[in-house]
Amino acid sequence: MFDDKRRKKDDEFDEMIREMQKIIEEVFKNAFGFENISAEGFSARFSPEGEIKIIGNEEGNEDIIEDGNKIYVTIEIHGIDKKKLRVKAKGKKIEIMAGDEIRIIELPVKIKPRSMKKTFKNGVLDIELEKI
């Protein structure tokens, strides 16, 4: 009897998660025109026209999103003070200096370094750059 109740709760929970994923997918589809969304991971893959693509890395803690005019980079950098974080952009690369560590990210296209906008909050660095 206990196992039946537990299974029922697990099934109800799974159904609730599926419903939430459907809602999130519908919101992204209606708001941004995305057809192929991974709601569980909250990452958009492609619009119907193929305008946005995500390029991941092996470490799994950065995302690069490209649209018609811009590149958006999101990177997890935990345990670093905002004052010790430096970011440079040139050509097709972003160089991130976090304390004693340097990380270079290859981008799919050349960017305008002076267009860089960045925010760092709760261990997540968001960078926005215009394409050349």
C-alpha atoms as a PDB file:
ATOM      1  CA  MET A   1       0.000   0.000   0.000  1.00  0.00           C
ATOM      2  CA  PHE A   2       2.805   2.412   0.841  1.00  0.00           C
ATOM      3  CA  ASP A   3       4.519   1.742  -2.500  1.00  0.00           C
ATOM      4  CA  ASP A   4       1.296   2.478  -4.394  1.00  0.00           C
ATOM      5  CA  LYS A   5       0.911   5.850  -2.675  1.00  0.00           C
ATOM      6  CA  ARG A   6       4.541   6.701  -3.343  1.00  0.00           C
ATOM      7  CA  ARG A   7       4.278   5.670  -6.993  1.00  0.00           C
ATOM      8  CA  LYS A   8       1.156   7.793  -7.354  1.00  0.00           C
ATOM      9  CA  LYS A   9       2.940  10.820  -5.885  1.00  0.00           C
ATOM     10  CA  ASP A  10       5.941  10.231  -8.185  1.00  0.00           C
ATOM     11  CA  ASP A  11       3.615   9.980 -11.197  1.00  0.00           C
ATOM     12  CA  GLU A  12       1.813  13.159 -10.153  1.00  0.00           C
ATOM     13  CA  PHE A  13       5.110  14.967  -9.708  1.00  0.00           C
ATOM     14  CA  ASP A  14       6.358  13.798 -13.117  1.00  0.00           C
ATOM     15  CA  GLU A  15       3.119  14.942 -14.712  1.00  0.00           C
ATOM     16  CA  MET A  16       3.440  18.340 -13.026  1.00  0.00           C
ATOM     17  CA  ILE A  17       7.002  18.702 -14.396  1.00  0.00           C
ATOM     18  CA  ARG A  18       5.817  17.805 -17.912  1.00  0.00           C
ATOM     19  CA  GLU A  19       3.032  20.384 -17.677  1.00  0.00           C
ATOM     20  CA  MET A  20       5.496  23.058 -16.505  1.00  0.00           C
ATOM     21  CA  GLN A  21       7.799  22.230 -19.427  1.00  0.00           C
ATOM     22  CA  LYS A  22       4.887  22.600 -21.856  1.00  0.00           C
ATOM     23  CA  ILE A  23       4.017  25.996 -20.374  1.00  0.00           C
ATOM     24  CA  ILE A  24       7.615  27.222 -20.597  1.00  0.00           C
ATOM     25  CA  GLU A  25       7.933  25.972 -24.177  1.00  0.00           C
ATOM     26  CA  GLU A  26       4.701  27.754 -25.117  1.00  0.00           C
ATOM     27  CA  VAL A  27       5.875  31.005 -23.504  1.00  0.00           C
ATOM     28  CA  PHE A  28       9.182  30.934 -25.410  1.00  0.00           C
ATOM     29  CA  LYS A  29       7.449  29.969 -28.638  1.00  0.00           C
ATOM     30  CA  ASN A  30       4.926  32.816 -28.361  1.00  0.00           C
ATOM     31  CA  ALA A  31       7.360  35.436 -27.051  1.00  0.00           C
ATOM     32  CA  PHE A  32      10.380  34.721 -29.245  1.00  0.00           C
ATOM     33  CA  GLY A  33       9.192  32.462 -32.050  1.00  0.00           C
ATOM     34  CA  PHE A  34      11.352  29.548 -30.958  1.00  0.00           C
ATOM     35  CA  GLU A  35      10.228  26.153 -32.150  1.00  0.00           C
ATOM     36  CA  ASN A  36      12.868  23.944 -30.569  1.00  0.00           C
ATOM     37  CA  ILE A  37      13.219  24.672 -26.849  1.00  0.00           C
ATOM     38  CA  SER A  38      14.707  22.588 -24.084  1.00  0.00           C
ATOM     39  CA  ALA A  39      12.500  23.726 -21.226  1.00  0.00           C
ATOM     40  CA  GLU A  40      14.142  21.462 -18.697  1.00  0.00           C
ATOM     41  CA  GLY A  41      17.518  23.120 -19.315  1.00  0.00           C
ATOM     42  CA  PHE A  42      15.960  26.490 -20.204  1.00  0.00           C
ATOM     43  CA  SER A  43      18.066  26.863 -23.342  1.00  0.00           C
ATOM     44  CA  ALA A  44      16.803  27.837 -26.796  1.00  0.00           C
ATOM     45  CA  ARG A  45      18.327  25.991 -29.719  1.00  0.00           C
ATOM     46  CA  PHE A  46      16.897  27.373 -32.981  1.00  0.00           C
ATOM     47  CA  SER A  47      14.197  29.720 -34.142  1.00  0.00           C
ATOM     48  CA  PRO A  48      12.087  28.485 -37.077  1.00  0.00           C
ATOM     49  CA  GLU A  49      14.332  30.525 -39.398  1.00  0.00           C
ATOM     50  CA  GLY A  50      17.524  29.205 -37.787  1.00  0.00           C
ATOM     51  CA  GLU A  51      18.521  32.673 -36.556  1.00  0.00           C
ATOM     52  CA  ILE A  52      19.757  31.616 -33.122  1.00  0.00           C
ATOM     53  CA  LYS A  53      22.100  28.786 -32.315  1.00  0.00           C
ATOM     54  CA  ILE A  54      23.752  27.687 -29.115  1.00  0.00           C
ATOM     55  CA  ILE A  55      27.304  26.441 -29.046  1.00  0.00           C
ATOM     56  CA  GLY A  56      28.257  24.662 -25.853  1.00  0.00           C
ATOM     57  CA  ASN A  57      31.639  23.601 -24.549  1.00  0.00           C
ATOM     58  CA  GLU A  58      32.905  20.405 -23.024  1.00  0.00           C
ATOM     59  CA  GLU A  59      32.884  21.842 -19.509  1.00  0.00           C
ATOM     60  CA  GLY A  60      29.176  22.567 -19.720  1.00  0.00           C
ATOM     61  CA  ASN A  61      29.372  25.843 -17.813  1.00  0.00           C
ATOM     62  CA  GLU A  62      29.230  28.294 -20.696  1.00  0.00           C
ATOM     63  CA  ASP A  63      26.746  29.035 -23.445  1.00  0.00           C
ATOM     64  CA  ILE A  64      27.300  31.058 -26.610  1.00  0.00           C
ATOM     65  CA  ILE A  65      24.176  32.250 -28.371  1.00  0.00           C
ATOM     66  CA  GLU A  66      24.344  33.928 -31.753  1.00  0.00           C
ATOM     67  CA  ASP A  67      21.594  35.903 -33.436  1.00  0.00           C
ATOM     68  CA  GLY A  68      21.646  38.097 -36.536  1.00  0.00           C
ATOM     69  CA  ASN A  69      23.573  40.990 -34.976  1.00  0.00           C
ATOM     70  CA  LYS A  70      24.953  39.907 -31.615  1.00  0.00           C
ATOM     71  CA  ILE A  71      26.758  37.224 -29.631  1.00  0.00           C
ATOM     72  CA  TYR A  72      25.675  36.452 -26.065  1.00  0.00           C
ATOM     73  CA  VAL A  73      28.013  34.550 -23.755  1.00  0.00           C
ATOM     74  CA  THR A  74      27.057  33.212 -20.322  1.00  0.00           C
ATOM     75  CA  ILE A  75      29.756  31.672 -18.147  1.00  0.00           C
ATOM     76  CA  GLU A  76      29.704  30.260 -14.629  1.00  0.00           C
ATOM     77  CA  ILE A  77      32.621  31.605 -12.582  1.00  0.00           C
ATOM     78  CA  HIS A  78      32.153  30.808  -8.921  1.00  0.00           C
ATOM     79  CA  GLY A  79      34.316  31.843  -6.005  1.00  0.00           C
ATOM     80  CA  ILE A  80      35.746  35.021  -7.539  1.00  0.00           C
ATOM     81  CA  ASP A  81      35.348  38.608  -6.367  1.00  0.00           C
ATOM     82  CA  LYS A  82      33.810  40.917  -8.973  1.00  0.00           C
ATOM     83  CA  LYS A  83      36.740  43.319  -8.478  1.00  0.00           C
ATOM     84  CA  LYS A  84      39.215  40.622  -9.587  1.00  0.00           C
ATOM     85  CA  LEU A  85      37.350  39.818 -12.809  1.00  0.00           C
ATOM     86  CA  ARG A  86      38.659  41.274 -16.093  1.00  0.00           C
ATOM     87  CA  VAL A  87      37.251  40.649 -19.565  1.00  0.00           C
ATOM     88  CA  LYS A  88      38.845  41.530 -22.918  1.00  0.00           C
ATOM     89  CA  ALA A  89      37.443  40.916 -26.383  1.00  0.00           C
ATOM     90  CA  LYS A  90      39.311  40.962 -29.699  1.00  0.00           C
ATOM     91  CA  GLY A  91      38.736  39.373 -33.077  1.00  0.00           C
ATOM     92  CA  LYS A  92      36.965  36.063 -32.431  1.00  0.00           C
ATOM     93  CA  LYS A  93      38.084  35.664 -28.813  1.00  0.00           C
ATOM     94  CA  ILE A  94      37.068  36.641 -25.314  1.00  0.00           C
ATOM     95  CA  GLU A  95      39.735  36.532 -22.627  1.00  0.00           C
ATOM     96  CA  ILE A  96      38.528  36.234 -19.040  1.00  0.00           C
ATOM     97  CA  MET A  97      40.960  36.840 -16.204  1.00  0.00           C
ATOM     98  CA  ALA A  98      39.588  35.740 -12.844  1.00  0.00           C
ATOM     99  CA  GLY A  99      42.240  36.120 -10.195  1.00  0.00           C
ATOM    100  CA  ASP A 100      45.158  33.903 -11.225  1.00  0.00           C
ATOM    101  CA  GLU A 101      43.203  32.036 -13.908  1.00  0.00           C
ATOM    102  CA  ILE A 102      42.902  33.021 -17.558  1.00  0.00           C
ATOM    103  CA  ARG A 103      40.253  31.550 -19.805  1.00  0.00           C
ATOM    104  CA  ILE A 104      39.978  32.109 -23.552  1.00  0.00           C
ATOM    105  CA  ILE A 105      36.697  31.518 -25.342  1.00  0.00           C
ATOM    106  CA  GLU A 106      36.643  31.104 -29.125  1.00  0.00           C
ATOM    107  CA  LEU A 107      33.638  32.717 -30.796  1.00  0.00           C
ATOM    108  CA  PRO A 108      32.101  31.644 -34.120  1.00  0.00           C
ATOM    109  CA  VAL A 109      32.448  35.159 -35.637  1.00  0.00           C
ATOM    110  CA  LYS A 110      34.446  38.363 -35.216  1.00  0.00           C
ATOM    111  CA  ILE A 111      33.039  40.879 -32.766  1.00  0.00           C
ATOM    112  CA  LYS A 112      33.266  44.609 -32.025  1.00  0.00           C
ATOM    113  CA  PRO A 113      35.244  44.788 -28.753  1.00  0.00           C
ATOM    114  CA  ARG A 114      33.969  48.268 -27.846  1.00  0.00           C
ATOM    115  CA  SER A 115      30.364  47.071 -27.995  1.00  0.00           C
ATOM    116  CA  MET A 116      30.891  44.755 -25.006  1.00  0.00           C
ATOM    117  CA  LYS A 117      28.310  44.875 -22.225  1.00  0.00           C
ATOM    118  CA  LYS A 118      28.861  42.625 -19.234  1.00  0.00           C
ATOM    119  CA  THR A 119      27.266  41.807 -15.902  1.00  0.00           C
ATOM    120  CA  PHE A 120      28.514  39.543 -13.138  1.00  0.00           C
ATOM    121  CA  LYS A 121      26.100  38.388 -10.471  1.00  0.00           C
ATOM    122  CA  ASN A 122      25.934  35.285  -8.257  1.00  0.00           C
ATOM    123  CA  GLY A 123      28.853  33.626 -10.033  1.00  0.00           C
ATOM    124  CA  VAL A 124      27.406  34.092 -13.528  1.00  0.00           C
ATOM    125  CA  LEU A 125      29.079  36.342 -16.104  1.00  0.00           C
ATOM    126  CA  ASP A 126      26.873  37.556 -18.963  1.00  0.00           C
ATOM    127  CA  ILE A 127      28.543  39.195 -21.955  1.00  0.00           C
ATOM    128  CA  GLU A 128      26.859  40.805 -24.967  1.00  0.00           C
ATOM    129  CA  LEU A 129      28.834  41.772 -28.087  1.00  0.00           C
ATOM    130  CA  GLU A 130      27.953  43.065 -31.532  1.00  0.00           C
ATOM    131  CA  LYS A 131      29.139  41.122 -34.567  1.00  0.00           C
ATOM    132  CA  ILE A 132      31.307  42.692 -37.243  1.00  0.00           C
END
